[in-house]
N, C-alpha and C. Protein backbone atom coordinates (compact mmCIF):
# COMPACT_ATOMS: atom_id res chain seq x y z
N MET A 1 -69.73 -164.13 -134.12
CA MET A 1 -69.76 -165.48 -133.59
C MET A 1 -69.34 -165.45 -132.13
N TYR A 2 -70.04 -166.17 -131.31
CA TYR A 2 -69.76 -166.25 -129.88
C TYR A 2 -68.40 -166.89 -129.63
N ASP A 3 -67.60 -166.24 -128.81
CA ASP A 3 -66.28 -166.74 -128.44
C ASP A 3 -66.29 -167.02 -126.94
N PRO A 4 -66.20 -168.30 -126.54
CA PRO A 4 -66.28 -168.63 -125.11
C PRO A 4 -65.17 -168.00 -124.28
N GLU A 5 -64.09 -167.59 -124.90
CA GLU A 5 -63.01 -166.94 -124.16
C GLU A 5 -63.35 -165.49 -123.81
N LYS A 6 -64.41 -164.96 -124.41
CA LYS A 6 -64.78 -163.56 -124.20
C LYS A 6 -66.17 -163.41 -123.59
N THR A 7 -66.57 -164.29 -122.72
CA THR A 7 -67.91 -164.20 -122.15
C THR A 7 -67.96 -163.16 -121.04
N VAL A 8 -67.78 -161.93 -121.42
CA VAL A 8 -67.89 -160.82 -120.50
C VAL A 8 -68.95 -159.89 -121.07
N PHE A 9 -70.14 -160.01 -120.51
CA PHE A 9 -71.27 -159.20 -120.99
C PHE A 9 -71.75 -158.31 -119.86
N SER A 10 -72.37 -157.21 -120.22
CA SER A 10 -73.10 -156.44 -119.22
C SER A 10 -74.41 -157.18 -118.95
N VAL A 11 -75.04 -156.86 -117.85
CA VAL A 11 -76.34 -157.47 -117.55
C VAL A 11 -77.33 -157.13 -118.66
N ASN A 12 -77.31 -155.91 -119.16
CA ASN A 12 -78.24 -155.53 -120.23
C ASN A 12 -78.00 -156.33 -121.49
N ALA A 13 -76.74 -156.57 -121.83
CA ALA A 13 -76.44 -157.38 -123.01
C ALA A 13 -76.92 -158.81 -122.81
N TYR A 14 -76.68 -159.35 -121.61
CA TYR A 14 -77.14 -160.71 -121.34
C TYR A 14 -78.66 -160.80 -121.40
N LEU A 15 -79.36 -159.83 -120.80
CA LEU A 15 -80.83 -159.83 -120.84
C LEU A 15 -81.34 -159.77 -122.28
N TYR A 16 -80.68 -158.98 -123.11
CA TYR A 16 -81.04 -158.93 -124.52
C TYR A 16 -80.87 -160.31 -125.15
N GLY A 17 -79.74 -160.95 -124.89
CA GLY A 17 -79.49 -162.28 -125.43
C GLY A 17 -80.52 -163.29 -124.97
N LEU A 18 -80.85 -163.25 -123.70
CA LEU A 18 -81.84 -164.17 -123.14
C LEU A 18 -83.22 -163.92 -123.75
N ARG A 19 -83.60 -162.67 -123.83
CA ARG A 19 -84.91 -162.29 -124.40
C ARG A 19 -85.02 -162.73 -125.86
N MET A 20 -83.96 -162.51 -126.62
CA MET A 20 -83.99 -162.88 -128.04
C MET A 20 -84.00 -164.39 -128.22
N ALA A 21 -83.23 -165.10 -127.40
CA ALA A 21 -83.19 -166.56 -127.50
C ALA A 21 -84.51 -167.19 -127.08
N GLU A 22 -85.15 -166.63 -126.07
CA GLU A 22 -86.38 -167.21 -125.55
C GLU A 22 -87.61 -166.90 -126.40
N SER A 23 -87.70 -165.68 -126.92
CA SER A 23 -88.95 -165.28 -127.58
C SER A 23 -88.78 -164.42 -128.82
N GLY A 24 -87.54 -164.21 -129.24
CA GLY A 24 -87.31 -163.28 -130.34
C GLY A 24 -87.59 -161.85 -129.92
N GLY A 25 -87.64 -161.61 -128.61
CA GLY A 25 -87.90 -160.26 -128.09
C GLY A 25 -89.37 -159.92 -127.96
N ASP A 26 -90.24 -160.91 -128.11
CA ASP A 26 -91.70 -160.69 -128.07
C ASP A 26 -92.21 -160.77 -126.63
N TYR A 27 -92.63 -159.64 -126.08
CA TYR A 27 -93.11 -159.60 -124.70
C TYR A 27 -94.47 -160.26 -124.53
N GLU A 28 -95.13 -160.60 -125.61
CA GLU A 28 -96.43 -161.27 -125.53
C GLU A 28 -96.37 -162.71 -126.04
N ALA A 29 -95.18 -163.23 -126.24
CA ALA A 29 -95.02 -164.59 -126.76
C ALA A 29 -95.61 -165.61 -125.79
N VAL A 30 -96.26 -166.61 -126.36
CA VAL A 30 -96.79 -167.73 -125.58
C VAL A 30 -96.33 -169.02 -126.25
N ASN A 31 -95.70 -169.88 -125.48
CA ASN A 31 -95.28 -171.17 -126.00
C ASN A 31 -96.51 -172.09 -126.00
N PRO A 32 -96.92 -172.58 -127.17
CA PRO A 32 -98.14 -173.39 -127.24
C PRO A 32 -98.06 -174.72 -126.50
N SER A 33 -96.86 -175.26 -126.32
CA SER A 33 -96.78 -176.56 -125.63
C SER A 33 -96.62 -176.42 -124.11
N SER A 34 -95.84 -175.44 -123.65
CA SER A 34 -95.59 -175.32 -122.21
C SER A 34 -96.45 -174.24 -121.55
N GLY A 35 -96.95 -173.31 -122.36
CA GLY A 35 -97.69 -172.18 -121.80
C GLY A 35 -96.78 -171.07 -121.29
N ALA A 36 -95.46 -171.23 -121.47
CA ALA A 36 -94.52 -170.20 -121.03
C ALA A 36 -94.90 -168.88 -121.68
N TYR A 37 -94.74 -167.80 -120.89
CA TYR A 37 -95.24 -166.51 -121.35
C TYR A 37 -94.16 -165.43 -121.32
N GLY A 38 -94.27 -164.53 -122.26
CA GLY A 38 -93.49 -163.30 -122.26
C GLY A 38 -92.14 -163.42 -122.92
N ALA A 39 -91.42 -162.33 -122.87
CA ALA A 39 -90.12 -162.24 -123.54
C ALA A 39 -89.12 -163.23 -122.98
N TYR A 40 -89.27 -163.58 -121.70
CA TYR A 40 -88.32 -164.49 -121.06
C TYR A 40 -88.90 -165.88 -120.83
N GLN A 41 -90.10 -166.10 -121.35
CA GLN A 41 -90.77 -167.41 -121.34
C GLN A 41 -90.86 -168.02 -119.94
N THR A 42 -91.54 -167.33 -119.06
CA THR A 42 -91.75 -167.81 -117.70
C THR A 42 -92.77 -168.95 -117.71
N ILE A 43 -92.40 -170.07 -117.11
CA ILE A 43 -93.27 -171.24 -117.02
C ILE A 43 -94.41 -170.92 -116.05
N PRO A 44 -95.66 -171.24 -116.42
CA PRO A 44 -96.81 -170.87 -115.58
C PRO A 44 -96.71 -171.29 -114.12
N LYS A 45 -96.23 -172.50 -113.84
CA LYS A 45 -96.22 -172.93 -112.43
C LYS A 45 -95.22 -172.15 -111.58
N TYR A 46 -94.27 -171.48 -112.21
CA TYR A 46 -93.30 -170.67 -111.48
C TYR A 46 -93.55 -169.18 -111.59
N LEU A 47 -94.60 -168.80 -112.31
CA LEU A 47 -94.84 -167.40 -112.60
C LEU A 47 -94.94 -166.54 -111.34
N CYS A 48 -95.77 -166.92 -110.40
CA CYS A 48 -95.92 -166.11 -109.18
C CYS A 48 -94.60 -166.02 -108.42
N TYR A 49 -93.91 -167.13 -108.27
CA TYR A 49 -92.63 -167.12 -107.56
C TYR A 49 -91.64 -166.17 -108.23
N TYR A 50 -91.47 -166.30 -109.54
CA TYR A 50 -90.48 -165.49 -110.23
C TYR A 50 -90.78 -164.00 -110.12
N TYR A 51 -92.03 -163.64 -110.31
CA TYR A 51 -92.39 -162.22 -110.27
C TYR A 51 -92.39 -161.68 -108.85
N GLU A 52 -93.02 -162.40 -107.92
CA GLU A 52 -93.12 -161.90 -106.55
C GLU A 52 -91.76 -161.84 -105.87
N SER A 53 -90.89 -162.82 -106.09
CA SER A 53 -89.57 -162.78 -105.47
C SER A 53 -88.73 -161.64 -106.02
N ALA A 54 -89.08 -161.16 -107.19
CA ALA A 54 -88.38 -160.01 -107.79
C ALA A 54 -89.06 -158.69 -107.43
N GLY A 55 -90.07 -158.76 -106.54
CA GLY A 55 -90.77 -157.55 -106.12
C GLY A 55 -91.74 -157.02 -107.16
N GLN A 56 -92.17 -157.88 -108.07
CA GLN A 56 -93.08 -157.47 -109.14
C GLN A 56 -94.42 -158.18 -108.96
N ASP A 57 -95.48 -157.50 -109.37
CA ASP A 57 -96.83 -158.07 -109.29
C ASP A 57 -97.11 -158.86 -110.56
N PRO A 58 -97.35 -160.18 -110.44
CA PRO A 58 -97.61 -160.99 -111.63
C PRO A 58 -98.86 -160.56 -112.40
N VAL A 59 -99.71 -159.76 -111.77
CA VAL A 59 -100.89 -159.24 -112.47
C VAL A 59 -100.45 -158.37 -113.65
N ASN A 60 -99.26 -157.76 -113.52
CA ASN A 60 -98.76 -156.86 -114.55
C ASN A 60 -97.81 -157.55 -115.53
N ILE A 61 -97.98 -158.84 -115.71
CA ILE A 61 -97.05 -159.63 -116.52
C ILE A 61 -96.94 -159.13 -117.97
N LYS A 62 -97.96 -158.48 -118.48
CA LYS A 62 -97.91 -158.01 -119.87
C LYS A 62 -97.04 -156.76 -120.05
N ASP A 63 -96.67 -156.14 -118.96
CA ASP A 63 -95.87 -154.92 -119.01
C ASP A 63 -94.40 -155.28 -119.25
N PRO A 64 -93.80 -154.82 -120.36
CA PRO A 64 -92.39 -155.13 -120.62
C PRO A 64 -91.45 -154.68 -119.50
N VAL A 65 -91.74 -153.57 -118.86
CA VAL A 65 -90.89 -153.09 -117.78
C VAL A 65 -90.90 -154.09 -116.62
N VAL A 66 -92.06 -154.64 -116.32
CA VAL A 66 -92.20 -155.63 -115.25
C VAL A 66 -91.46 -156.91 -115.63
N GLN A 67 -91.61 -157.36 -116.88
CA GLN A 67 -90.90 -158.56 -117.33
C GLN A 67 -89.39 -158.36 -117.23
N ASP A 68 -88.92 -157.20 -117.68
CA ASP A 68 -87.48 -156.92 -117.63
C ASP A 68 -86.97 -156.88 -116.19
N ALA A 69 -87.76 -156.27 -115.30
CA ALA A 69 -87.34 -156.18 -113.90
C ALA A 69 -87.27 -157.57 -113.26
N MET A 70 -88.24 -158.42 -113.58
CA MET A 70 -88.23 -159.79 -113.06
C MET A 70 -87.01 -160.53 -113.56
N ALA A 71 -86.77 -160.47 -114.86
CA ALA A 71 -85.64 -161.20 -115.43
C ALA A 71 -84.31 -160.65 -114.89
N GLU A 72 -84.18 -159.34 -114.80
CA GLU A 72 -82.94 -158.77 -114.30
C GLU A 72 -82.65 -159.22 -112.86
N TYR A 73 -83.67 -159.23 -112.03
CA TYR A 73 -83.49 -159.68 -110.65
C TYR A 73 -82.92 -161.10 -110.61
N HIS A 74 -83.53 -162.01 -111.37
CA HIS A 74 -83.11 -163.41 -111.33
C HIS A 74 -81.76 -163.63 -112.02
N VAL A 75 -81.51 -162.91 -113.09
CA VAL A 75 -80.21 -163.02 -113.77
C VAL A 75 -79.09 -162.55 -112.85
N ARG A 76 -79.31 -161.43 -112.19
CA ARG A 76 -78.29 -160.92 -111.25
C ARG A 76 -78.08 -161.92 -110.10
N LYS A 77 -79.17 -162.49 -109.62
CA LYS A 77 -79.08 -163.47 -108.53
C LYS A 77 -78.27 -164.70 -108.98
N HIS A 78 -78.57 -165.20 -110.18
CA HIS A 78 -77.83 -166.36 -110.70
C HIS A 78 -76.36 -166.02 -110.94
N TYR A 79 -76.11 -164.83 -111.49
CA TYR A 79 -74.71 -164.47 -111.76
C TYR A 79 -73.93 -164.32 -110.45
N ALA A 80 -74.57 -163.75 -109.44
CA ALA A 80 -73.90 -163.62 -108.14
C ALA A 80 -73.58 -164.99 -107.57
N ARG A 81 -74.42 -165.96 -107.83
CA ARG A 81 -74.20 -167.31 -107.31
C ARG A 81 -73.12 -168.06 -108.09
N TYR A 82 -73.17 -167.96 -109.44
CA TYR A 82 -72.30 -168.80 -110.28
C TYR A 82 -71.10 -168.07 -110.87
N GLY A 83 -71.20 -166.76 -111.08
CA GLY A 83 -70.09 -166.02 -111.68
C GLY A 83 -69.74 -166.46 -113.08
N ASN A 84 -70.74 -166.97 -113.80
CA ASN A 84 -70.49 -167.59 -115.10
C ASN A 84 -71.77 -167.48 -115.93
N TRP A 85 -71.70 -166.77 -117.05
CA TRP A 85 -72.91 -166.57 -117.87
C TRP A 85 -73.47 -167.88 -118.41
N ASP A 86 -72.61 -168.85 -118.71
CA ASP A 86 -73.12 -170.13 -119.21
C ASP A 86 -73.96 -170.84 -118.16
N LEU A 87 -73.53 -170.76 -116.91
CA LEU A 87 -74.32 -171.35 -115.83
C LEU A 87 -75.60 -170.57 -115.57
N VAL A 88 -75.56 -169.26 -115.78
CA VAL A 88 -76.79 -168.47 -115.67
C VAL A 88 -77.81 -168.96 -116.71
N SER A 89 -77.34 -169.19 -117.92
CA SER A 89 -78.23 -169.70 -118.97
C SER A 89 -78.77 -171.09 -118.62
N LEU A 90 -77.90 -171.94 -118.11
CA LEU A 90 -78.35 -173.27 -117.72
C LEU A 90 -79.40 -173.17 -116.61
N ALA A 91 -79.15 -172.33 -115.62
CA ALA A 91 -80.11 -172.16 -114.53
C ALA A 91 -81.44 -171.64 -115.05
N TRP A 92 -81.40 -170.70 -115.99
CA TRP A 92 -82.64 -170.16 -116.55
C TRP A 92 -83.39 -171.23 -117.34
N HIS A 93 -82.67 -171.98 -118.11
CA HIS A 93 -83.28 -172.93 -119.05
C HIS A 93 -83.65 -174.26 -118.40
N LYS A 94 -82.81 -174.75 -117.47
CA LYS A 94 -83.01 -176.08 -116.90
C LYS A 94 -83.16 -176.08 -115.38
N GLY A 95 -83.02 -174.92 -114.76
CA GLY A 95 -83.19 -174.85 -113.31
C GLY A 95 -81.88 -174.73 -112.56
N GLY A 96 -81.94 -174.02 -111.45
CA GLY A 96 -80.76 -173.80 -110.64
C GLY A 96 -80.14 -175.08 -110.09
N SER A 97 -80.97 -176.08 -109.79
CA SER A 97 -80.40 -177.33 -109.25
C SER A 97 -79.49 -178.00 -110.27
N ASN A 98 -79.79 -177.84 -111.55
CA ASN A 98 -78.93 -178.41 -112.59
C ASN A 98 -77.63 -177.62 -112.72
N ALA A 99 -77.71 -176.31 -112.59
CA ALA A 99 -76.49 -175.49 -112.60
C ALA A 99 -75.63 -175.84 -111.37
N ASP A 100 -76.29 -176.07 -110.24
CA ASP A 100 -75.56 -176.48 -109.04
C ASP A 100 -74.85 -177.81 -109.27
N ALA A 101 -75.53 -178.75 -109.92
CA ALA A 101 -74.95 -180.07 -110.16
C ALA A 101 -73.70 -179.98 -111.02
N VAL A 102 -73.73 -179.15 -112.06
CA VAL A 102 -72.55 -178.98 -112.91
C VAL A 102 -71.42 -178.34 -112.11
N THR A 103 -71.77 -177.33 -111.33
CA THR A 103 -70.76 -176.65 -110.51
C THR A 103 -70.10 -177.64 -109.55
N GLU A 104 -70.91 -178.46 -108.90
CA GLU A 104 -70.36 -179.45 -107.97
C GLU A 104 -69.48 -180.47 -108.68
N SER A 105 -69.81 -180.79 -109.93
CA SER A 105 -69.03 -181.79 -110.67
C SER A 105 -67.61 -181.32 -110.97
N VAL A 106 -67.37 -180.01 -110.92
CA VAL A 106 -66.02 -179.50 -111.16
C VAL A 106 -65.40 -178.93 -109.89
N GLY A 107 -65.91 -179.37 -108.77
CA GLY A 107 -65.30 -178.97 -107.50
C GLY A 107 -65.91 -177.77 -106.83
N GLY A 108 -67.08 -177.33 -107.29
CA GLY A 108 -67.78 -176.25 -106.61
C GLY A 108 -67.42 -174.85 -107.00
N CYS A 109 -66.71 -174.69 -108.09
CA CYS A 109 -66.29 -173.35 -108.51
C CYS A 109 -66.98 -172.97 -109.82
N GLY A 110 -68.04 -172.18 -109.73
CA GLY A 110 -68.81 -171.79 -110.91
C GLY A 110 -68.00 -171.15 -112.02
N PRO A 111 -67.10 -170.18 -111.70
CA PRO A 111 -66.33 -169.56 -112.77
C PRO A 111 -65.44 -170.54 -113.54
N ALA A 112 -65.12 -171.69 -112.93
CA ALA A 112 -64.27 -172.69 -113.59
C ALA A 112 -65.04 -173.59 -114.55
N VAL A 113 -66.36 -173.55 -114.51
CA VAL A 113 -67.18 -174.42 -115.37
C VAL A 113 -67.04 -173.97 -116.82
N THR A 114 -66.87 -174.93 -117.70
CA THR A 114 -66.81 -174.64 -119.14
C THR A 114 -68.08 -175.14 -119.82
N ILE A 115 -68.28 -174.70 -121.03
CA ILE A 115 -69.42 -175.17 -121.81
C ILE A 115 -69.33 -176.67 -122.02
N ASP A 116 -68.12 -177.21 -122.11
CA ASP A 116 -67.94 -178.66 -122.25
C ASP A 116 -68.41 -179.40 -121.00
N ASP A 117 -68.17 -178.82 -119.82
CA ASP A 117 -68.66 -179.43 -118.58
C ASP A 117 -70.18 -179.51 -118.60
N ILE A 118 -70.80 -178.43 -119.04
CA ILE A 118 -72.27 -178.39 -119.11
C ILE A 118 -72.77 -179.40 -120.13
N GLU A 119 -72.13 -179.42 -121.28
CA GLU A 119 -72.54 -180.33 -122.36
C GLU A 119 -72.40 -181.79 -121.95
N THR A 120 -71.40 -182.10 -121.15
CA THR A 120 -71.21 -183.48 -120.68
C THR A 120 -72.41 -183.95 -119.86
N MET A 121 -72.91 -183.07 -119.01
CA MET A 121 -74.04 -183.44 -118.16
C MET A 121 -75.39 -183.23 -118.84
N PHE A 122 -75.45 -182.27 -119.75
CA PHE A 122 -76.71 -181.92 -120.42
C PHE A 122 -76.46 -181.82 -121.92
N PRO A 123 -76.37 -182.97 -122.59
CA PRO A 123 -76.09 -182.96 -124.04
C PRO A 123 -77.10 -182.10 -124.80
N GLY A 124 -76.56 -181.26 -125.66
CA GLY A 124 -77.39 -180.38 -126.47
C GLY A 124 -77.63 -179.01 -125.86
N GLU A 125 -77.35 -178.85 -124.56
CA GLU A 125 -77.61 -177.57 -123.90
C GLU A 125 -76.71 -176.46 -124.41
N SER A 126 -75.55 -176.82 -124.97
CA SER A 126 -74.65 -175.80 -125.50
C SER A 126 -75.29 -175.03 -126.65
N VAL A 127 -76.21 -175.64 -127.36
CA VAL A 127 -76.90 -174.94 -128.45
C VAL A 127 -77.67 -173.74 -127.90
N TYR A 128 -78.43 -173.98 -126.83
CA TYR A 128 -79.19 -172.90 -126.19
C TYR A 128 -78.24 -171.84 -125.63
N ILE A 129 -77.23 -172.27 -124.91
CA ILE A 129 -76.30 -171.33 -124.29
C ILE A 129 -75.58 -170.49 -125.34
N ASN A 130 -75.14 -171.12 -126.41
CA ASN A 130 -74.47 -170.37 -127.48
C ASN A 130 -75.41 -169.39 -128.15
N LYS A 131 -76.68 -169.74 -128.26
CA LYS A 131 -77.67 -168.83 -128.85
C LYS A 131 -77.82 -167.58 -127.97
N VAL A 132 -77.98 -167.78 -126.67
CA VAL A 132 -78.08 -166.63 -125.75
C VAL A 132 -76.83 -165.77 -125.85
N ASN A 133 -75.67 -166.42 -125.78
CA ASN A 133 -74.41 -165.67 -125.79
C ASN A 133 -74.17 -164.94 -127.12
N SER A 134 -74.58 -165.55 -128.22
CA SER A 134 -74.41 -164.89 -129.52
C SER A 134 -75.25 -163.62 -129.59
N PHE A 135 -76.48 -163.69 -129.11
CA PHE A 135 -77.32 -162.47 -129.08
C PHE A 135 -76.73 -161.43 -128.14
N ALA A 136 -76.24 -161.86 -127.00
CA ALA A 136 -75.64 -160.91 -126.04
C ALA A 136 -74.43 -160.24 -126.65
N GLU A 137 -73.65 -161.02 -127.39
CA GLU A 137 -72.48 -160.46 -128.05
C GLU A 137 -72.88 -159.44 -129.11
N GLN A 138 -73.97 -159.70 -129.84
CA GLN A 138 -74.47 -158.74 -130.83
C GLN A 138 -74.83 -157.42 -130.16
N TYR A 139 -75.48 -157.51 -129.00
CA TYR A 139 -75.87 -156.32 -128.25
C TYR A 139 -74.63 -155.53 -127.84
N SER A 140 -73.59 -156.27 -127.45
CA SER A 140 -72.36 -155.63 -126.96
C SER A 140 -71.53 -155.01 -128.07
N ALA A 141 -71.73 -155.48 -129.31
CA ALA A 141 -70.89 -155.02 -130.43
C ALA A 141 -71.16 -153.58 -130.80
């Protein structure tokens, strides 16, 4: 069971948690309603940005190595910005501007943000965050 007092994961553990929460680990998963693709469920309108900014060619989107490299780049970028895995999950799931808003609501310190702070602004988001963290914790065990 995920323990919010122990949210210390390696990047690989977090990526595993994110991949499992988003697609069950399926690198060819397609969301029928949004069109999101791959293990990390990249939204089509952001696909080129996410892959190209990570130095990856979106033409190779079916390659698991390319998907992992894209996700790792953005996860590391979010963690460097927020210093908090829960905010990384929020940024991945709802966008960086929403993670910024939560951070600003507690005085601008990402590491100080709690899951309750996130839940106050985004009711129900803790379910997604706990799912990612639970998978990451399984990887770490």
